[in-house]
Amino acid sequence: RGHSGDSGSLEAGEMVRDESCGSGNRNDVLMHDVLMHDMHAKIIKEWEERQEAEMEPWEVVRDVLLTWPCSPAREHIASCRYVLEQQVFVERWLRTSNRGGADKVEQTVRRLLKHVAWRYEYNVEGILSENWTAHDARNEIFVSGLDRKPR
């Protein structure tokens, strides 16, 4: 479960600070510590239960993320839910993990939480609805084909 020296694993009572929950004051950090420890236990438990039910790791990652309890991360996850429900997307993240079993699932969940926060911050889901006419008039975007320097 937890490995000494691994920054990606949680040990009981370990203080975890990231941008996925709370404002950063001491009470929020302590609450976040409790939530992350509970989520670690939940991930381990779900992994073991789903191993018995012969479910795939990507399904465990998907289910953990889609039921994430922390409010800022919940909003980020909701904004790109359709991506997290795609097997090929989640499996791509799982393949890049250097661990196995429940630790692999936990590492993938942590990394995807950061990724969905980035997608939310940079409005990746809404980029196609933006007005690109000014950029198009200045020839700043190349929808298909090559630019002036055949790239």
C-alpha atoms as a PDB file:
ATOM      1  CA  ARG A   1       0.000   0.000   0.000  1.00  0.00           C
ATOM      2  CA  GLY A   2       2.320   2.802   1.097  1.00  0.00           C
ATOM      3  CA  HIS A   3       6.000   2.647   0.212  1.00  0.00           C
ATOM      4  CA  SER A   4       8.584   4.588   2.139  1.00  0.00           C
ATOM      5  CA  GLY A   5      10.111   7.211  -0.087  1.00  0.00           C
ATOM      6  CA  ASP A   6       7.237   7.171  -2.599  1.00  0.00           C
ATOM      7  CA  SER A   7       5.753  10.616  -2.886  1.00  0.00           C
ATOM      8  CA  GLY A   8       2.647   9.187  -4.548  1.00  0.00           C
ATOM      9  CA  SER A   9       1.546   6.892  -1.693  1.00  0.00           C
ATOM     10  CA  LEU A  10      -0.286   7.846   1.460  1.00  0.00           C
ATOM     11  CA  GLU A  11       0.666   6.649   4.896  1.00  0.00           C
ATOM     12  CA  ALA A  12      -1.664   6.997   7.878  1.00  0.00           C
ATOM     13  CA  GLY A  13      -1.445  10.542   9.216  1.00  0.00           C
ATOM     14  CA  GLU A  14       0.641  11.835   6.313  1.00  0.00           C
ATOM     15  CA  MET A  15      -0.038  15.467   5.436  1.00  0.00           C
ATOM     16  CA  VAL A  16      -1.078  15.899   1.824  1.00  0.00           C
ATOM     17  CA  ARG A  17      -1.278  19.283   0.160  1.00  0.00           C
ATOM     18  CA  ASP A  18      -2.514  19.794  -3.362  1.00  0.00           C
ATOM     19  CA  GLU A  19      -4.861  22.118  -5.200  1.00  0.00           C
ATOM     20  CA  SER A  20      -7.746  19.655  -5.457  1.00  0.00           C
ATOM     21  CA  CYS A  21      -9.497  20.566  -2.188  1.00  0.00           C
ATOM     22  CA  GLY A  22      -9.839  23.504   0.174  1.00  0.00           C
ATOM     23  CA  SER A  23      -8.332  26.951   0.389  1.00  0.00           C
ATOM     24  CA  GLY A  24      -5.074  26.058   2.136  1.00  0.00           C
ATOM     25  CA  ASN A  25      -5.794  27.138   5.716  1.00  0.00           C
ATOM     26  CA  ARG A  26      -4.974  24.661   8.504  1.00  0.00           C
ATOM     27  CA  ASN A  27      -8.533  23.331   8.893  1.00  0.00           C
ATOM     28  CA  ASP A  28      -8.867  22.788   5.143  1.00  0.00           C
ATOM     29  CA  VAL A  29      -5.490  21.048   5.031  1.00  0.00           C
ATOM     30  CA  LEU A  30      -6.463  18.764   7.907  1.00  0.00           C
ATOM     31  CA  MET A  31      -9.826  18.025   6.279  1.00  0.00           C
ATOM     32  CA  HIS A  32      -8.049  17.360   3.014  1.00  0.00           C
ATOM     33  CA  ASP A  33      -5.642  14.992   4.826  1.00  0.00           C
ATOM     34  CA  VAL A  34      -8.596  13.040   6.179  1.00  0.00           C
ATOM     35  CA  LEU A  35     -10.310  12.970   2.771  1.00  0.00           C
ATOM     36  CA  MET A  36      -7.167  11.797   0.984  1.00  0.00           C
ATOM     37  CA  HIS A  37      -6.538   9.095   3.590  1.00  0.00           C
ATOM     38  CA  ASP A  38     -10.164   7.958   3.262  1.00  0.00           C
ATOM     39  CA  MET A  39      -9.877   7.985  -0.531  1.00  0.00           C
ATOM     40  CA  HIS A  40      -6.688   5.911  -0.319  1.00  0.00           C
ATOM     41  CA  ALA A  41      -8.533   3.343   1.789  1.00  0.00           C
ATOM     42  CA  LYS A  42     -11.501   3.490  -0.598  1.00  0.00           C
ATOM     43  CA  ILE A  43      -9.255   2.923  -3.628  1.00  0.00           C
ATOM     44  CA  ILE A  44      -7.581  -0.083  -1.969  1.00  0.00           C
ATOM     45  CA  LYS A  45     -10.954  -1.536  -0.926  1.00  0.00           C
ATOM     46  CA  GLU A  46     -12.538  -0.986  -4.336  1.00  0.00           C
ATOM     47  CA  TRP A  47      -9.508  -2.470  -6.063  1.00  0.00           C
ATOM     48  CA  GLU A  48      -9.716  -5.620  -3.931  1.00  0.00           C
ATOM     49  CA  GLU A  49     -13.493  -5.946  -4.400  1.00  0.00           C
ATOM     50  CA  ARG A  50     -13.263  -5.428  -8.135  1.00  0.00           C
ATOM     51  CA  GLN A  51     -10.401  -7.903  -8.440  1.00  0.00           C
ATOM     52  CA  GLU A  52     -12.802 -10.502  -7.059  1.00  0.00           C
ATOM     53  CA  ALA A  53     -15.520  -9.322  -9.466  1.00  0.00           C
ATOM     54  CA  GLU A  54     -12.989  -9.451 -12.333  1.00  0.00           C
ATOM     55  CA  MET A  55     -13.366  -5.766 -13.157  1.00  0.00           C
ATOM     56  CA  GLU A  56     -10.690  -3.930 -15.084  1.00  0.00           C
ATOM     57  CA  PRO A  57      -8.409  -1.336 -13.424  1.00  0.00           C
ATOM     58  CA  TRP A  58      -9.692   1.424 -15.720  1.00  0.00           C
ATOM     59  CA  GLU A  59     -13.205   0.826 -14.363  1.00  0.00           C
ATOM     60  CA  VAL A  60     -11.939   1.257 -10.797  1.00  0.00           C
ATOM     61  CA  VAL A  61     -10.207   4.537 -11.737  1.00  0.00           C
ATOM     62  CA  ARG A  62     -13.342   5.760 -13.525  1.00  0.00           C
ATOM     63  CA  ASP A  63     -15.629   4.905 -10.611  1.00  0.00           C
ATOM     64  CA  VAL A  64     -13.339   6.469  -7.994  1.00  0.00           C
ATOM     65  CA  LEU A  65     -13.085   9.702  -9.976  1.00  0.00           C
ATOM     66  CA  LEU A  66     -16.784   9.932 -10.798  1.00  0.00           C
ATOM     67  CA  THR A  67     -17.644   9.564  -7.092  1.00  0.00           C
ATOM     68  CA  TRP A  68     -14.907  11.909  -5.801  1.00  0.00           C
ATOM     69  CA  PRO A  69     -16.199  13.711  -2.654  1.00  0.00           C
ATOM     70  CA  CYS A  70     -14.191  16.951  -2.693  1.00  0.00           C
ATOM     71  CA  SER A  71     -16.114  19.883  -4.186  1.00  0.00           C
ATOM     72  CA  PRO A  72     -13.540  21.697  -6.388  1.00  0.00           C
ATOM     73  CA  ALA A  73     -12.390  18.416  -7.920  1.00  0.00           C
ATOM     74  CA  ARG A  74     -16.014  17.333  -8.387  1.00  0.00           C
ATOM     75  CA  GLU A  75     -16.641  20.396 -10.537  1.00  0.00           C
ATOM     76  CA  HIS A  76     -13.502  19.724 -12.581  1.00  0.00           C
ATOM     77  CA  ILE A  77     -14.473  16.092 -13.069  1.00  0.00           C
ATOM     78  CA  ALA A  78     -18.011  17.032 -14.102  1.00  0.00           C
ATOM     79  CA  SER A  79     -16.653  19.351 -16.785  1.00  0.00           C
ATOM     80  CA  CYS A  80     -14.896  16.484 -18.580  1.00  0.00           C
ATOM     81  CA  ARG A  81     -16.889  13.481 -17.403  1.00  0.00           C
ATOM     82  CA  TYR A  82     -17.336  12.160 -20.941  1.00  0.00           C
ATOM     83  CA  VAL A  83     -13.544  11.818 -21.300  1.00  0.00           C
ATOM     84  CA  LEU A  84     -13.164   9.916 -18.015  1.00  0.00           C
ATOM     85  CA  GLU A  85     -15.845   7.453 -19.095  1.00  0.00           C
ATOM     86  CA  GLN A  86     -13.832   6.414 -22.161  1.00  0.00           C
ATOM     87  CA  GLN A  87     -11.858   3.238 -21.627  1.00  0.00           C
ATOM     88  CA  VAL A  88      -9.082   4.152 -24.050  1.00  0.00           C
ATOM     89  CA  PHE A  89      -8.437   7.489 -22.280  1.00  0.00           C
ATOM     90  CA  VAL A  90      -8.178   6.001 -18.781  1.00  0.00           C
ATOM     91  CA  GLU A  91      -6.116   3.027 -19.954  1.00  0.00           C
ATOM     92  CA  ARG A  92      -3.605   5.389 -21.553  1.00  0.00           C
ATOM     93  CA  TRP A  93      -3.055   6.956 -18.119  1.00  0.00           C
ATOM     94  CA  LEU A  94      -2.837   3.543 -16.445  1.00  0.00           C
ATOM     95  CA  ARG A  95      -0.146   2.380 -18.876  1.00  0.00           C
ATOM     96  CA  THR A  96       2.114   5.275 -17.875  1.00  0.00           C
ATOM     97  CA  SER A  97       2.098   4.239 -14.220  1.00  0.00           C
ATOM     98  CA  ASN A  98       5.250   2.573 -12.934  1.00  0.00           C
ATOM     99  CA  ARG A  99       3.482   0.636 -10.163  1.00  0.00           C
ATOM    100  CA  GLY A 100       1.182  -2.334  -9.968  1.00  0.00           C
ATOM    101  CA  GLY A 101      -2.169  -3.227  -8.438  1.00  0.00           C
ATOM    102  CA  ALA A 102      -3.895  -0.765  -6.149  1.00  0.00           C
ATOM    103  CA  ASP A 103      -0.846   1.547  -6.130  1.00  0.00           C
ATOM    104  CA  LYS A 104      -1.107   1.825  -9.905  1.00  0.00           C
ATOM    105  CA  VAL A 105      -4.774   2.753  -9.592  1.00  0.00           C
ATOM    106  CA  GLU A 106      -4.032   5.276  -6.833  1.00  0.00           C
ATOM    107  CA  GLN A 107      -1.234   6.913  -8.824  1.00  0.00           C
ATOM    108  CA  THR A 108      -3.486   7.146 -11.883  1.00  0.00           C
ATOM    109  CA  VAL A 109      -6.309   8.717  -9.854  1.00  0.00           C
ATOM    110  CA  ARG A 110      -3.925  11.336  -8.430  1.00  0.00           C
ATOM    111  CA  ARG A 111      -2.532  12.196 -11.859  1.00  0.00           C
ATOM    112  CA  LEU A 112      -5.959  12.361 -13.478  1.00  0.00           C
ATOM    113  CA  LEU A 113      -7.189  14.683 -10.704  1.00  0.00           C
ATOM    114  CA  LYS A 114      -4.380  17.071 -11.623  1.00  0.00           C
ATOM    115  CA  HIS A 115      -5.137  16.640 -15.327  1.00  0.00           C
ATOM    116  CA  VAL A 116      -8.858  17.417 -14.991  1.00  0.00           C
ATOM    117  CA  ALA A 117      -8.002  20.491 -12.897  1.00  0.00           C
ATOM    118  CA  TRP A 118      -5.710  21.640 -15.728  1.00  0.00           C
ATOM    119  CA  ARG A 119      -8.426  20.984 -18.341  1.00  0.00           C
ATOM    120  CA  TYR A 120     -10.874  22.999 -16.236  1.00  0.00           C
ATOM    121  CA  GLU A 121      -8.441  25.887 -15.650  1.00  0.00           C
ATOM    122  CA  TYR A 122      -7.615  26.230 -19.353  1.00  0.00           C
ATOM    123  CA  ASN A 123     -11.197  25.595 -20.531  1.00  0.00           C
ATOM    124  CA  VAL A 124     -10.200  22.742 -22.812  1.00  0.00           C
ATOM    125  CA  GLU A 125     -13.819  21.618 -23.170  1.00  0.00           C
ATOM    126  CA  GLY A 126     -14.943  25.049 -24.403  1.00  0.00           C
ATOM    127  CA  ILE A 127     -12.174  25.855 -26.842  1.00  0.00           C
ATOM    128  CA  LEU A 128     -14.244  25.001 -29.911  1.00  0.00           C
ATOM    129  CA  SER A 129     -17.029  27.346 -28.848  1.00  0.00           C
ATOM    130  CA  GLU A 130     -14.670  30.340 -28.677  1.00  0.00           C
ATOM    131  CA  ASN A 131     -14.728  32.994 -31.391  1.00  0.00           C
ATOM    132  CA  TRP A 132     -11.678  32.439 -33.620  1.00  0.00           C
ATOM    133  CA  THR A 133     -12.563  34.874 -36.431  1.00  0.00           C
ATOM    134  CA  ALA A 134      -9.915  37.451 -35.438  1.00  0.00           C
ATOM    135  CA  HIS A 135      -7.209  34.786 -35.421  1.00  0.00           C
ATOM    136  CA  ASP A 136      -8.479  33.378 -38.695  1.00  0.00           C
ATOM    137  CA  ALA A 137      -8.396  36.852 -40.337  1.00  0.00           C
ATOM    138  CA  ARG A 138      -4.727  37.225 -39.338  1.00  0.00           C
ATOM    139  CA  ASN A 139      -3.942  33.682 -40.580  1.00  0.00           C
ATOM    140  CA  GLU A 140      -2.843  32.637 -37.092  1.00  0.00           C
ATOM    141  CA  ILE A 141      -4.551  29.260 -37.139  1.00  0.00           C
ATOM    142  CA  PHE A 142      -4.180  26.414 -39.546  1.00  0.00           C
ATOM    143  CA  VAL A 143      -7.110  24.059 -39.137  1.00  0.00           C
ATOM    144  CA  SER A 144      -5.734  21.555 -41.600  1.00  0.00           C
ATOM    145  CA  GLY A 145      -2.815  21.328 -43.923  1.00  0.00           C
ATOM    146  CA  LEU A 146       0.498  23.099 -43.518  1.00  0.00           C
ATOM    147  CA  ASP A 147       1.505  26.573 -42.415  1.00  0.00           C
ATOM    148  CA  ARG A 148       3.811  28.904 -44.353  1.00  0.00           C
ATOM    149  CA  LYS A 149       6.880  26.926 -43.232  1.00  0.00           C
ATOM    150  CA  PRO A 150       5.467  23.538 -44.341  1.00  0.00           C
ATOM    151  CA  ARG A 151       5.052  22.161 -40.777  1.00  0.00           C
END
